[in-house]
Amino acid sequence: MRNAFAQFNANLTAARHLGELSKMVDSLTKGALDVSDMLRAELVFSVSALDHFIHEICRIGMIEIAKNSRAKTDGYLKYQLPIRATELAIAGVPPEVWVSDAVRERHSWQSFQDPDKVADAIRLISSKKLWDEVAGILGMTAGDVKITLKLIVDRRNKIAHEADMDPSNPGGKWPISTAMVDNAVGFIERVGASIYKVVM
């Protein structure tokens, strides 16, 4: 799981580079160019980093359970596998192959961004109450953690699916600022680090 966490941090760093680039372009052009879409991209990539991280730690955790190096969860025991995966397991193929392939295939169309979906995914590999644990680490209530993440994901969805257009201002986009995106990315970083601590 260390590699998945390292990749999460690398993905966040890459997203933050867009924010730094937006600041440089804004400074060099003295505000003549609109750099807001760079900030929007930074936000989208940051949420994507969390999504990818959850996919990876679930896949790795499921492999660890199959290898008996992690405790089984109710979610794991109820997880449905294709017959092909069962055949590979019976044939002696290592879990790194059959579990990995099955989890990747089953999760390929799912996104783990919404707090409830994230918690569902983590239940496959951990019996802990995710948001209570994360809230304790962050010094917040579980409700506040979930609401904050949901607001960030909702904004990401407006950007990704609606071009961030503001219906109350035809032709205009919702406002965005460096401070807003910095806060969102920082929160995603803290949530990801807290999830990592919980599942480890």
N, C-alpha and C. Protein backbone atom coordinates (compact mmCIF):
# COMPACT_ATOMS: atom_id res chain seq x y z
N MET A 1 0.82 -1.21 0.00
CA MET A 1 0.00 0.00 0.00
C MET A 1 0.85 1.26 0.00
N ARG A 2 2.09 1.12 0.42
CA ARG A 2 2.97 2.30 0.42
C ARG A 2 3.11 2.89 -0.97
N ASN A 3 3.21 2.00 -1.98
CA ASN A 3 3.34 2.47 -3.35
C ASN A 3 2.09 3.22 -3.80
N ALA A 4 0.92 2.73 -3.40
CA ALA A 4 -0.33 3.41 -3.76
C ALA A 4 -0.38 4.80 -3.12
N PHE A 5 0.08 4.90 -1.86
CA PHE A 5 0.08 6.19 -1.18
C PHE A 5 1.10 7.14 -1.81
N ALA A 6 2.25 6.59 -2.19
CA ALA A 6 3.27 7.41 -2.86
C ALA A 6 2.73 7.93 -4.19
N GLN A 7 2.00 7.07 -4.91
CA GLN A 7 1.43 7.50 -6.19
C GLN A 7 0.36 8.57 -5.98
N PHE A 8 -0.44 8.42 -4.93
CA PHE A 8 -1.43 9.43 -4.58
C PHE A 8 -0.75 10.79 -4.37
N ASN A 9 0.32 10.80 -3.61
CA ASN A 9 1.04 12.05 -3.36
C ASN A 9 1.67 12.61 -4.63
N ALA A 10 2.19 11.72 -5.48
CA ALA A 10 2.77 12.16 -6.76
C ALA A 10 1.69 12.77 -7.65
N ASN A 11 0.51 12.16 -7.65
CA ASN A 11 -0.60 12.68 -8.46
C ASN A 11 -1.05 14.05 -7.96
N LEU A 12 -1.08 14.22 -6.63
CA LEU A 12 -1.43 15.53 -6.07
C LEU A 12 -0.38 16.57 -6.41
N THR A 13 0.89 16.18 -6.38
CA THR A 13 1.96 17.11 -6.74
C THR A 13 1.81 17.56 -8.19
N ALA A 14 1.50 16.60 -9.07
CA ALA A 14 1.29 16.95 -10.48
C ALA A 14 0.12 17.91 -10.64
N ALA A 15 -0.96 17.67 -9.88
CA ALA A 15 -2.11 18.57 -9.93
C ALA A 15 -1.71 19.97 -9.45
N ARG A 16 -0.94 20.02 -8.38
CA ARG A 16 -0.53 21.32 -7.83
C ARG A 16 0.36 22.09 -8.81
N HIS A 17 1.06 21.39 -9.67
CA HIS A 17 1.88 22.07 -10.67
C HIS A 17 1.02 22.95 -11.57
N LEU A 18 -0.22 22.51 -11.82
CA LEU A 18 -1.13 23.33 -12.62
C LEU A 18 -1.46 24.63 -11.89
N GLY A 19 -1.63 24.54 -10.57
CA GLY A 19 -1.88 25.74 -9.79
C GLY A 19 -0.69 26.69 -9.82
N GLU A 20 0.51 26.12 -9.71
CA GLU A 20 1.72 26.95 -9.77
C GLU A 20 1.87 27.58 -11.15
N LEU A 21 1.56 26.80 -12.18
CA LEU A 21 1.63 27.33 -13.55
C LEU A 21 0.65 28.47 -13.74
N SER A 22 -0.55 28.32 -13.18
CA SER A 22 -1.55 29.38 -13.32
C SER A 22 -1.06 30.67 -12.67
N LYS A 23 -0.39 30.54 -11.51
CA LYS A 23 0.15 31.73 -10.84
C LYS A 23 1.23 32.40 -11.67
N MET A 24 2.11 31.58 -12.27
CA MET A 24 3.18 32.14 -13.09
C MET A 24 2.63 32.85 -14.33
N VAL A 25 1.69 32.18 -15.01
CA VAL A 25 1.11 32.77 -16.22
C VAL A 25 0.38 34.06 -15.86
N ASP A 26 -0.36 34.04 -14.77
CA ASP A 26 -1.09 35.23 -14.34
C ASP A 26 -0.12 36.38 -14.04
N SER A 27 0.98 36.04 -13.39
CA SER A 27 1.98 37.05 -13.04
C SER A 27 2.67 37.61 -14.29
N LEU A 28 3.05 36.72 -15.21
CA LEU A 28 3.76 37.14 -16.42
C LEU A 28 2.89 37.97 -17.35
N THR A 29 1.59 37.65 -17.38
CA THR A 29 0.69 38.37 -18.28
C THR A 29 -0.04 39.50 -17.58
N LYS A 30 0.30 39.69 -16.29
CA LYS A 30 -0.32 40.74 -15.48
C LYS A 30 -1.85 40.66 -15.54
N GLY A 31 -2.35 39.43 -15.51
CA GLY A 31 -3.79 39.21 -15.47
C GLY A 31 -4.49 39.33 -16.81
N ALA A 32 -3.72 39.49 -17.90
CA ALA A 32 -4.34 39.64 -19.22
C ALA A 32 -4.96 38.34 -19.72
N LEU A 33 -4.46 37.21 -19.24
CA LEU A 33 -5.01 35.92 -19.64
C LEU A 33 -5.83 35.33 -18.50
N ASP A 34 -6.92 34.66 -18.86
CA ASP A 34 -7.76 33.98 -17.87
C ASP A 34 -7.14 32.61 -17.59
N VAL A 35 -6.64 32.43 -16.38
CA VAL A 35 -5.99 31.17 -16.00
C VAL A 35 -6.92 30.28 -15.16
N SER A 36 -8.16 30.66 -15.07
CA SER A 36 -9.08 29.93 -14.18
C SER A 36 -9.26 28.47 -14.57
N ASP A 37 -9.16 28.15 -15.87
CA ASP A 37 -9.33 26.76 -16.27
C ASP A 37 -8.17 25.88 -15.79
N MET A 38 -7.01 26.48 -15.56
CA MET A 38 -5.90 25.72 -14.97
C MET A 38 -6.25 25.33 -13.54
N LEU A 39 -6.90 26.24 -12.83
CA LEU A 39 -7.33 25.94 -11.47
C LEU A 39 -8.40 24.86 -11.48
N ARG A 40 -9.30 24.93 -12.45
CA ARG A 40 -10.34 23.90 -12.56
C ARG A 40 -9.71 22.54 -12.82
N ALA A 41 -8.71 22.52 -13.70
CA ALA A 41 -8.02 21.26 -13.99
C ALA A 41 -7.31 20.73 -12.75
N GLU A 42 -6.71 21.62 -11.97
CA GLU A 42 -6.05 21.22 -10.73
C GLU A 42 -7.03 20.54 -9.79
N LEU A 43 -8.21 21.10 -9.67
CA LEU A 43 -9.24 20.53 -8.79
C LEU A 43 -9.69 19.16 -9.29
N VAL A 44 -9.94 19.05 -10.59
CA VAL A 44 -10.37 17.78 -11.18
C VAL A 44 -9.30 16.71 -10.98
N PHE A 45 -8.04 17.05 -11.24
CA PHE A 45 -6.95 16.07 -11.10
C PHE A 45 -6.76 15.66 -9.64
N SER A 46 -7.01 16.56 -8.72
CA SER A 46 -6.86 16.24 -7.29
C SER A 46 -7.91 15.23 -6.85
N VAL A 47 -9.15 15.43 -7.27
CA VAL A 47 -10.20 14.47 -6.94
C VAL A 47 -9.90 13.13 -7.62
N SER A 48 -9.38 13.20 -8.84
CA SER A 48 -8.99 11.98 -9.55
C SER A 48 -7.90 11.24 -8.79
N ALA A 49 -6.97 11.98 -8.18
CA ALA A 49 -5.90 11.35 -7.40
C ALA A 49 -6.48 10.55 -6.24
N LEU A 50 -7.49 11.11 -5.57
CA LEU A 50 -8.14 10.40 -4.47
C LEU A 50 -8.87 9.17 -4.98
N ASP A 51 -9.59 9.32 -6.07
CA ASP A 51 -10.34 8.21 -6.68
C ASP A 51 -9.39 7.06 -7.01
N HIS A 52 -8.30 7.37 -7.68
CA HIS A 52 -7.32 6.34 -8.05
C HIS A 52 -6.72 5.68 -6.81
N PHE A 53 -6.44 6.48 -5.79
CA PHE A 53 -5.87 5.95 -4.55
C PHE A 53 -6.81 4.93 -3.90
N ILE A 54 -8.10 5.25 -3.85
CA ILE A 54 -9.07 4.34 -3.25
C ILE A 54 -9.16 3.05 -4.07
N HIS A 55 -9.17 3.18 -5.39
CA HIS A 55 -9.17 1.99 -6.26
C HIS A 55 -7.97 1.10 -5.93
N GLU A 56 -6.80 1.71 -5.81
CA GLU A 56 -5.58 0.94 -5.61
C GLU A 56 -5.50 0.29 -4.24
N ILE A 57 -5.84 1.03 -3.18
CA ILE A 57 -5.72 0.41 -1.86
C ILE A 57 -6.76 -0.69 -1.67
N CYS A 58 -7.90 -0.57 -2.32
CA CYS A 58 -8.90 -1.65 -2.25
C CYS A 58 -8.38 -2.88 -2.98
N ARG A 59 -7.82 -2.68 -4.15
CA ARG A 59 -7.28 -3.81 -4.92
C ARG A 59 -6.16 -4.49 -4.14
N ILE A 60 -5.25 -3.70 -3.62
CA ILE A 60 -4.11 -4.26 -2.87
C ILE A 60 -4.60 -4.93 -1.58
N GLY A 61 -5.53 -4.28 -0.89
CA GLY A 61 -6.07 -4.86 0.33
C GLY A 61 -6.78 -6.18 0.08
N MET A 62 -7.50 -6.28 -1.01
CA MET A 62 -8.19 -7.53 -1.36
C MET A 62 -7.17 -8.64 -1.64
N ILE A 63 -6.08 -8.28 -2.30
CA ILE A 63 -5.01 -9.26 -2.54
C ILE A 63 -4.42 -9.72 -1.21
N GLU A 64 -4.18 -8.77 -0.31
CA GLU A 64 -3.61 -9.11 1.01
C GLU A 64 -4.54 -10.05 1.78
N ILE A 65 -5.84 -9.81 1.70
CA ILE A 65 -6.79 -10.69 2.39
C ILE A 65 -6.75 -12.09 1.78
N ALA A 66 -6.72 -12.16 0.45
CA ALA A 66 -6.67 -13.46 -0.23
C ALA A 66 -5.41 -14.23 0.14
N LYS A 67 -4.34 -13.51 0.47
CA LYS A 67 -3.06 -14.14 0.85
C LYS A 67 -2.97 -14.37 2.36
N ASN A 68 -4.07 -14.07 3.07
CA ASN A 68 -4.12 -14.22 4.54
C ASN A 68 -3.15 -13.32 5.29
N SER A 69 -2.82 -12.17 4.71
CA SER A 69 -1.95 -11.23 5.42
C SER A 69 -2.74 -10.02 5.93
N ARG A 70 -4.04 -10.07 5.77
CA ARG A 70 -4.95 -9.05 6.28
C ARG A 70 -6.23 -9.75 6.71
N ALA A 71 -6.85 -9.25 7.76
CA ALA A 71 -8.08 -9.87 8.26
C ALA A 71 -9.22 -9.76 7.25
N LYS A 72 -9.99 -10.82 7.17
CA LYS A 72 -11.14 -10.83 6.27
C LYS A 72 -12.23 -9.90 6.81
N THR A 73 -12.94 -9.25 5.92
CA THR A 73 -14.06 -8.38 6.28
C THR A 73 -15.36 -8.98 5.72
N ASP A 74 -16.48 -8.50 6.24
CA ASP A 74 -17.77 -8.94 5.68
C ASP A 74 -17.86 -8.56 4.21
N GLY A 75 -17.36 -7.38 3.88
CA GLY A 75 -17.38 -6.93 2.49
C GLY A 75 -16.59 -7.85 1.59
N TYR A 76 -15.44 -8.26 2.05
CA TYR A 76 -14.60 -9.19 1.28
C TYR A 76 -15.31 -10.53 1.10
N LEU A 77 -15.88 -11.05 2.17
CA LEU A 77 -16.53 -12.37 2.11
C LEU A 77 -17.76 -12.38 1.21
N LYS A 78 -18.40 -11.23 1.04
CA LYS A 78 -19.60 -11.15 0.19
C LYS A 78 -19.28 -10.71 -1.24
N TYR A 79 -18.02 -10.40 -1.51
CA TYR A 79 -17.61 -9.87 -2.82
C TYR A 79 -17.81 -10.95 -3.89
N GLN A 80 -18.44 -10.58 -4.99
CA GLN A 80 -18.72 -11.53 -6.06
C GLN A 80 -17.60 -11.50 -7.09
N LEU A 81 -17.08 -12.68 -7.39
CA LEU A 81 -16.01 -12.82 -8.38
C LEU A 81 -16.53 -13.55 -9.61
N PRO A 82 -15.97 -13.25 -10.78
CA PRO A 82 -16.36 -14.01 -11.96
C PRO A 82 -15.83 -15.45 -11.87
N ILE A 83 -16.47 -16.35 -12.57
CA ILE A 83 -16.06 -17.75 -12.56
C ILE A 83 -14.61 -17.89 -13.02
N ARG A 84 -14.20 -17.06 -13.95
CA ARG A 84 -12.81 -17.12 -14.45
C ARG A 84 -11.82 -16.93 -13.30
N ALA A 85 -12.10 -16.01 -12.39
CA ALA A 85 -11.20 -15.78 -11.25
C ALA A 85 -11.16 -17.01 -10.35
N THR A 86 -12.31 -17.64 -10.14
CA THR A 86 -12.37 -18.85 -9.33
C THR A 86 -11.55 -19.97 -9.97
N GLU A 87 -11.68 -20.11 -11.28
CA GLU A 87 -10.90 -21.13 -11.99
C GLU A 87 -9.40 -20.90 -11.85
N LEU A 88 -8.99 -19.65 -11.95
CA LEU A 88 -7.57 -19.32 -11.81
C LEU A 88 -7.09 -19.63 -10.39
N ALA A 89 -7.91 -19.30 -9.39
CA ALA A 89 -7.54 -19.58 -8.00
C ALA A 89 -7.39 -21.08 -7.78
N ILE A 90 -8.34 -21.86 -8.30
CA ILE A 90 -8.29 -23.32 -8.15
C ILE A 90 -7.05 -23.88 -8.86
N ALA A 91 -6.68 -23.26 -9.97
CA ALA A 91 -5.52 -23.72 -10.74
C ALA A 91 -4.20 -23.33 -10.08
N GLY A 92 -4.27 -22.58 -8.98
CA GLY A 92 -3.05 -22.22 -8.26
C GLY A 92 -2.41 -20.92 -8.69
N VAL A 93 -3.11 -20.16 -9.52
CA VAL A 93 -2.59 -18.85 -9.93
C VAL A 93 -2.58 -17.94 -8.70
N PRO A 94 -1.51 -17.17 -8.48
CA PRO A 94 -1.43 -16.34 -7.27
C PRO A 94 -2.50 -15.24 -7.25
N PRO A 95 -2.91 -14.84 -6.02
CA PRO A 95 -3.93 -13.79 -5.89
C PRO A 95 -3.55 -12.47 -6.56
N GLU A 96 -2.26 -12.21 -6.65
CA GLU A 96 -1.83 -10.98 -7.33
C GLU A 96 -2.37 -10.89 -8.74
N VAL A 97 -2.69 -12.05 -9.32
CA VAL A 97 -3.23 -12.08 -10.68
C VAL A 97 -4.76 -12.11 -10.65
N TRP A 98 -5.34 -13.17 -10.06
CA TRP A 98 -6.78 -13.34 -10.19
C TRP A 98 -7.58 -12.34 -9.38
N VAL A 99 -7.13 -11.98 -8.17
CA VAL A 99 -7.85 -10.96 -7.40
C VAL A 99 -7.69 -9.61 -8.07
N SER A 100 -6.46 -9.29 -8.45
CA SER A 100 -6.19 -7.99 -9.08
C SER A 100 -7.04 -7.79 -10.33
N ASP A 101 -7.05 -8.80 -11.21
CA ASP A 101 -7.82 -8.69 -12.45
C ASP A 101 -9.32 -8.54 -12.16
N ALA A 102 -9.82 -9.35 -11.22
CA ALA A 102 -11.26 -9.34 -10.92
C ALA A 102 -11.68 -8.01 -10.32
N VAL A 103 -10.89 -7.49 -9.38
CA VAL A 103 -11.24 -6.22 -8.73
C VAL A 103 -11.14 -5.07 -9.74
N ARG A 104 -10.08 -5.08 -10.54
CA ARG A 104 -9.94 -4.01 -11.55
C ARG A 104 -11.13 -4.02 -12.51
N GLU A 105 -11.50 -5.21 -12.95
CA GLU A 105 -12.62 -5.30 -13.90
C GLU A 105 -13.92 -4.84 -13.26
N ARG A 106 -14.19 -5.28 -12.05
CA ARG A 106 -15.46 -4.94 -11.39
C ARG A 106 -15.53 -3.46 -11.03
N HIS A 107 -14.40 -2.89 -10.66
CA HIS A 107 -14.39 -1.49 -10.23
C HIS A 107 -14.13 -0.51 -11.37
N SER A 108 -13.85 -1.01 -12.56
CA SER A 108 -13.41 -0.14 -13.66
C SER A 108 -14.42 0.95 -14.01
N TRP A 109 -15.68 0.69 -13.82
CA TRP A 109 -16.72 1.66 -14.16
C TRP A 109 -17.18 2.48 -12.96
N GLN A 110 -16.62 2.19 -11.78
CA GLN A 110 -17.04 2.88 -10.57
C GLN A 110 -16.08 4.01 -10.22
N SER A 111 -16.62 5.04 -9.59
CA SER A 111 -15.75 6.10 -9.07
C SER A 111 -15.89 6.12 -7.56
N PHE A 112 -14.75 6.32 -6.90
CA PHE A 112 -14.72 6.38 -5.45
C PHE A 112 -14.33 7.79 -5.04
N GLN A 113 -15.31 8.69 -5.14
CA GLN A 113 -15.11 10.10 -4.80
C GLN A 113 -16.11 10.54 -3.75
N ASP A 114 -17.37 10.21 -3.95
CA ASP A 114 -18.41 10.53 -2.98
C ASP A 114 -18.10 9.82 -1.67
N PRO A 115 -18.29 10.49 -0.54
CA PRO A 115 -17.95 9.87 0.75
C PRO A 115 -18.59 8.50 0.99
N ASP A 116 -19.84 8.32 0.59
CA ASP A 116 -20.50 7.03 0.79
C ASP A 116 -19.86 5.94 -0.06
N LYS A 117 -19.49 6.28 -1.28
CA LYS A 117 -18.85 5.31 -2.18
C LYS A 117 -17.45 4.96 -1.67
N VAL A 118 -16.74 5.96 -1.15
CA VAL A 118 -15.41 5.71 -0.58
C VAL A 118 -15.54 4.75 0.60
N ALA A 119 -16.50 5.00 1.48
CA ALA A 119 -16.70 4.14 2.65
C ALA A 119 -17.08 2.72 2.22
N ASP A 120 -17.93 2.59 1.19
CA ASP A 120 -18.29 1.27 0.68
C ASP A 120 -17.05 0.51 0.21
N ALA A 121 -16.18 1.20 -0.49
CA ALA A 121 -14.96 0.57 -1.01
C ALA A 121 -14.05 0.13 0.13
N ILE A 122 -13.86 0.99 1.11
CA ILE A 122 -12.96 0.68 2.22
C ILE A 122 -13.49 -0.47 3.06
N ARG A 123 -14.82 -0.63 3.13
CA ARG A 123 -15.40 -1.75 3.88
C ARG A 123 -14.98 -3.11 3.32
N LEU A 124 -14.52 -3.14 2.08
CA LEU A 124 -14.03 -4.39 1.51
C LEU A 124 -12.76 -4.86 2.20
N ILE A 125 -11.97 -3.91 2.74
CA ILE A 125 -10.66 -4.27 3.29
C ILE A 125 -10.48 -3.89 4.76
N SER A 126 -11.45 -3.17 5.34
CA SER A 126 -11.32 -2.76 6.74
C SER A 126 -12.70 -2.72 7.40
N SER A 127 -12.76 -3.20 8.62
CA SER A 127 -14.03 -3.18 9.37
C SER A 127 -14.19 -1.91 10.20
N LYS A 128 -13.21 -1.02 10.15
CA LYS A 128 -13.29 0.22 10.92
C LYS A 128 -14.33 1.16 10.30
N LYS A 129 -14.92 2.01 11.14
CA LYS A 129 -15.86 3.02 10.64
C LYS A 129 -15.03 4.16 10.05
N LEU A 130 -14.91 4.15 8.75
CA LEU A 130 -13.95 5.02 8.05
C LEU A 130 -14.05 6.48 8.47
N TRP A 131 -15.24 7.08 8.32
CA TRP A 131 -15.31 8.53 8.51
C TRP A 131 -15.18 8.92 9.98
N ASP A 132 -15.56 8.05 10.90
CA ASP A 132 -15.31 8.34 12.31
C ASP A 132 -13.81 8.35 12.58
N GLU A 133 -13.11 7.38 12.01
CA GLU A 133 -11.65 7.30 12.19
C GLU A 133 -10.94 8.49 11.55
N VAL A 134 -11.33 8.81 10.31
CA VAL A 134 -10.71 9.94 9.60
C VAL A 134 -10.99 11.24 10.36
N ALA A 135 -12.22 11.40 10.82
CA ALA A 135 -12.59 12.61 11.56
C ALA A 135 -11.74 12.76 12.81
N GLY A 136 -11.49 11.65 13.51
CA GLY A 136 -10.65 11.70 14.70
C GLY A 136 -9.24 12.16 14.38
N ILE A 137 -8.71 11.71 13.27
CA ILE A 137 -7.36 12.11 12.86
C ILE A 137 -7.33 13.59 12.49
N LEU A 138 -8.38 14.04 11.80
CA LEU A 138 -8.42 15.43 11.31
C LEU A 138 -8.92 16.43 12.35
N GLY A 139 -9.44 15.93 13.47
CA GLY A 139 -9.98 16.83 14.48
C GLY A 139 -11.26 17.50 14.04
N MET A 140 -12.09 16.77 13.29
CA MET A 140 -13.37 17.26 12.80
C MET A 140 -14.44 16.24 13.17
N THR A 141 -15.69 16.57 12.90
CA THR A 141 -16.73 15.57 13.03
C THR A 141 -16.80 14.79 11.72
N ALA A 142 -17.31 13.57 11.80
CA ALA A 142 -17.46 12.75 10.60
C ALA A 142 -18.37 13.45 9.60
N GLY A 143 -19.42 14.08 10.11
CA GLY A 143 -20.35 14.80 9.23
C GLY A 143 -19.66 15.93 8.48
N ASP A 144 -18.81 16.69 9.17
CA ASP A 144 -18.11 17.80 8.53
C ASP A 144 -17.12 17.31 7.48
N VAL A 145 -16.44 16.20 7.77
CA VAL A 145 -15.50 15.64 6.79
C VAL A 145 -16.25 15.25 5.53
N LYS A 146 -17.38 14.55 5.70
CA LYS A 146 -18.14 14.08 4.55
C LYS A 146 -18.74 15.24 3.75
N ILE A 147 -19.25 16.24 4.46
CA ILE A 147 -19.84 17.40 3.76
C ILE A 147 -18.77 18.14 2.98
N THR A 148 -17.61 18.35 3.59
CA THR A 148 -16.53 19.07 2.90
C THR A 148 -16.08 18.32 1.66
N LEU A 149 -15.88 17.01 1.79
CA LEU A 149 -15.48 16.22 0.62
C LEU A 149 -16.57 16.24 -0.44
N LYS A 150 -17.82 16.11 -0.01
CA LYS A 150 -18.93 16.12 -0.98
C LYS A 150 -18.99 17.44 -1.76
N LEU A 151 -18.76 18.55 -1.08
CA LEU A 151 -18.77 19.86 -1.76
C LEU A 151 -17.65 19.94 -2.80
N ILE A 152 -16.48 19.42 -2.46
CA ILE A 152 -15.37 19.41 -3.41
C ILE A 152 -15.70 18.54 -4.61
N VAL A 153 -16.25 17.36 -4.35
CA VAL A 153 -16.61 16.45 -5.44
C VAL A 153 -17.73 17.03 -6.29
N ASP A 154 -18.70 17.69 -5.66
CA ASP A 154 -19.77 18.34 -6.43
C ASP A 154 -19.20 19.39 -7.37
N ARG A 155 -18.23 20.16 -6.89
CA ARG A 155 -17.62 21.18 -7.75
C ARG A 155 -16.84 20.52 -8.87
N ARG A 156 -16.14 19.43 -8.55
CA ARG A 156 -15.43 18.67 -9.58
C ARG A 156 -16.41 18.21 -10.66
N ASN A 157 -17.58 17.74 -10.24
CA ASN A 157 -18.58 17.26 -11.19
C ASN A 157 -19.12 18.39 -12.07
N LYS A 158 -19.29 19.57 -11.49
CA LYS A 158 -19.72 20.72 -12.29
C LYS A 158 -18.68 21.03 -13.38
N ILE A 159 -17.41 20.93 -13.01
CA ILE A 159 -16.34 21.21 -13.97
C ILE A 159 -16.29 20.11 -15.03
N ALA A 160 -16.29 18.86 -14.59
CA ALA A 160 -16.11 17.74 -15.51
C ALA A 160 -17.32 17.47 -16.39
N HIS A 161 -18.53 17.72 -15.87
CA HIS A 161 -19.73 17.34 -16.60
C HIS A 161 -20.56 18.51 -17.13
N GLU A 162 -20.31 19.70 -16.60
CA GLU A 162 -21.12 20.85 -17.00
C GLU A 162 -20.27 22.02 -17.47
N ALA A 163 -18.96 21.76 -17.72
CA ALA A 163 -18.02 22.81 -18.13
C ALA A 163 -17.98 23.96 -17.13
N ASP A 164 -18.43 23.70 -15.90
CA ASP A 164 -18.46 24.69 -14.82
C ASP A 164 -19.31 25.92 -15.16
N MET A 165 -20.29 25.72 -16.04
CA MET A 165 -21.15 26.83 -16.45
C MET A 165 -22.17 27.14 -15.35
N ASP A 166 -22.36 28.43 -15.11
CA ASP A 166 -23.29 28.91 -14.10
C ASP A 166 -24.63 29.22 -14.78
N PRO A 167 -25.66 28.41 -14.53
CA PRO A 167 -26.94 28.63 -15.21
C PRO A 167 -27.59 29.96 -14.88
N SER A 168 -27.22 30.57 -13.76
CA SER A 168 -27.80 31.88 -13.42
C SER A 168 -27.07 33.02 -14.12
N ASN A 169 -25.99 32.68 -14.82
CA ASN A 169 -25.19 33.70 -15.54
C ASN A 169 -24.86 33.13 -16.93
N PRO A 170 -25.83 33.18 -17.86
CA PRO A 170 -25.65 32.55 -19.17
C PRO A 170 -24.32 32.96 -19.82
N GLY A 171 -23.56 31.92 -20.22
CA GLY A 171 -22.26 32.15 -20.85
C GLY A 171 -21.13 32.31 -19.85
N GLY A 172 -21.46 32.40 -18.59
CA GLY A 172 -20.42 32.58 -17.56
C GLY A 172 -20.20 31.30 -16.76
N LYS A 173 -19.03 31.21 -16.17
CA LYS A 173 -18.68 30.05 -15.34
C LYS A 173 -18.76 30.43 -13.87
N TRP A 174 -18.89 29.38 -13.03
CA TRP A 174 -18.85 29.61 -11.60
C TRP A 174 -17.48 30.19 -11.24
N PRO A 175 -17.43 31.11 -10.29
CA PRO A 175 -16.13 31.68 -9.91
C PRO A 175 -15.25 30.64 -9.23
N ILE A 176 -13.95 30.83 -9.42
CA ILE A 176 -12.96 29.94 -8.80
C ILE A 176 -11.74 30.78 -8.45
N SER A 177 -11.05 30.41 -7.40
CA SER A 177 -9.87 31.18 -6.98
C SER A 177 -8.76 30.24 -6.54
N THR A 178 -7.56 30.77 -6.52
CA THR A 178 -6.41 30.00 -6.06
C THR A 178 -6.62 29.51 -4.63
N ALA A 179 -7.11 30.38 -3.77
CA ALA A 179 -7.32 30.02 -2.37
C ALA A 179 -8.32 28.88 -2.25
N MET A 180 -9.41 28.95 -3.01
CA MET A 180 -10.44 27.92 -2.98
C MET A 180 -9.86 26.55 -3.38
N VAL A 181 -9.09 26.55 -4.47
CA VAL A 181 -8.51 25.30 -4.96
C VAL A 181 -7.42 24.80 -4.01
N ASP A 182 -6.59 25.71 -3.50
CA ASP A 182 -5.55 25.30 -2.54
C ASP A 182 -6.17 24.63 -1.32
N ASN A 183 -7.26 25.19 -0.83
CA ASN A 183 -7.95 24.60 0.32
C ASN A 183 -8.51 23.23 -0.01
N ALA A 184 -9.10 23.10 -1.20
CA ALA A 184 -9.68 21.82 -1.61
C ALA A 184 -8.60 20.75 -1.77
N VAL A 185 -7.51 21.10 -2.42
CA VAL A 185 -6.43 20.14 -2.65
C VAL A 185 -5.79 19.75 -1.32
N GLY A 186 -5.60 20.71 -0.44
CA GLY A 186 -5.05 20.43 0.88
C GLY A 186 -5.94 19.49 1.67
N PHE A 187 -7.25 19.69 1.56
CA PHE A 187 -8.19 18.83 2.27
C PHE A 187 -8.14 17.41 1.70
N ILE A 188 -8.11 17.28 0.39
CA ILE A 188 -8.02 15.96 -0.25
C ILE A 188 -6.73 15.26 0.21
N GLU A 189 -5.66 16.01 0.29
CA GLU A 189 -4.39 15.43 0.74
C GLU A 189 -4.50 14.90 2.17
N ARG A 190 -5.12 15.67 3.05
CA ARG A 190 -5.27 15.25 4.45
C ARG A 190 -6.21 14.05 4.57
N VAL A 191 -7.27 14.04 3.78
CA VAL A 191 -8.20 12.92 3.81
C VAL A 191 -7.50 11.65 3.32
N GLY A 192 -6.78 11.76 2.22
CA GLY A 192 -6.06 10.59 1.69
C GLY A 192 -5.06 10.05 2.69
N ALA A 193 -4.31 10.94 3.34
CA ALA A 193 -3.32 10.51 4.34
C ALA A 193 -4.01 9.84 5.52
N SER A 194 -5.15 10.36 5.90
CA SER A 194 -5.90 9.79 7.03
C SER A 194 -6.46 8.42 6.67
N ILE A 195 -6.98 8.28 5.46
CA ILE A 195 -7.49 6.97 5.01
C ILE A 195 -6.35 5.95 5.02
N TYR A 196 -5.20 6.38 4.56
CA TYR A 196 -4.04 5.49 4.56
C TYR A 196 -3.71 4.99 5.96
N LYS A 197 -3.74 5.91 6.94
CA LYS A 197 -3.48 5.53 8.33
C LYS A 197 -4.54 4.54 8.84
N VAL A 198 -5.78 4.77 8.46
CA VAL A 198 -6.87 3.91 8.92
C VAL A 198 -6.71 2.49 8.38
N VAL A 199 -6.43 2.36 7.10
CA VAL A 199 -6.37 1.02 6.49
C VAL A 199 -5.06 0.30 6.77
N MET A 200 -4.02 1.01 7.13
CA MET A 200 -2.74 0.36 7.43
C MET A 200 -2.84 -0.34 8.77
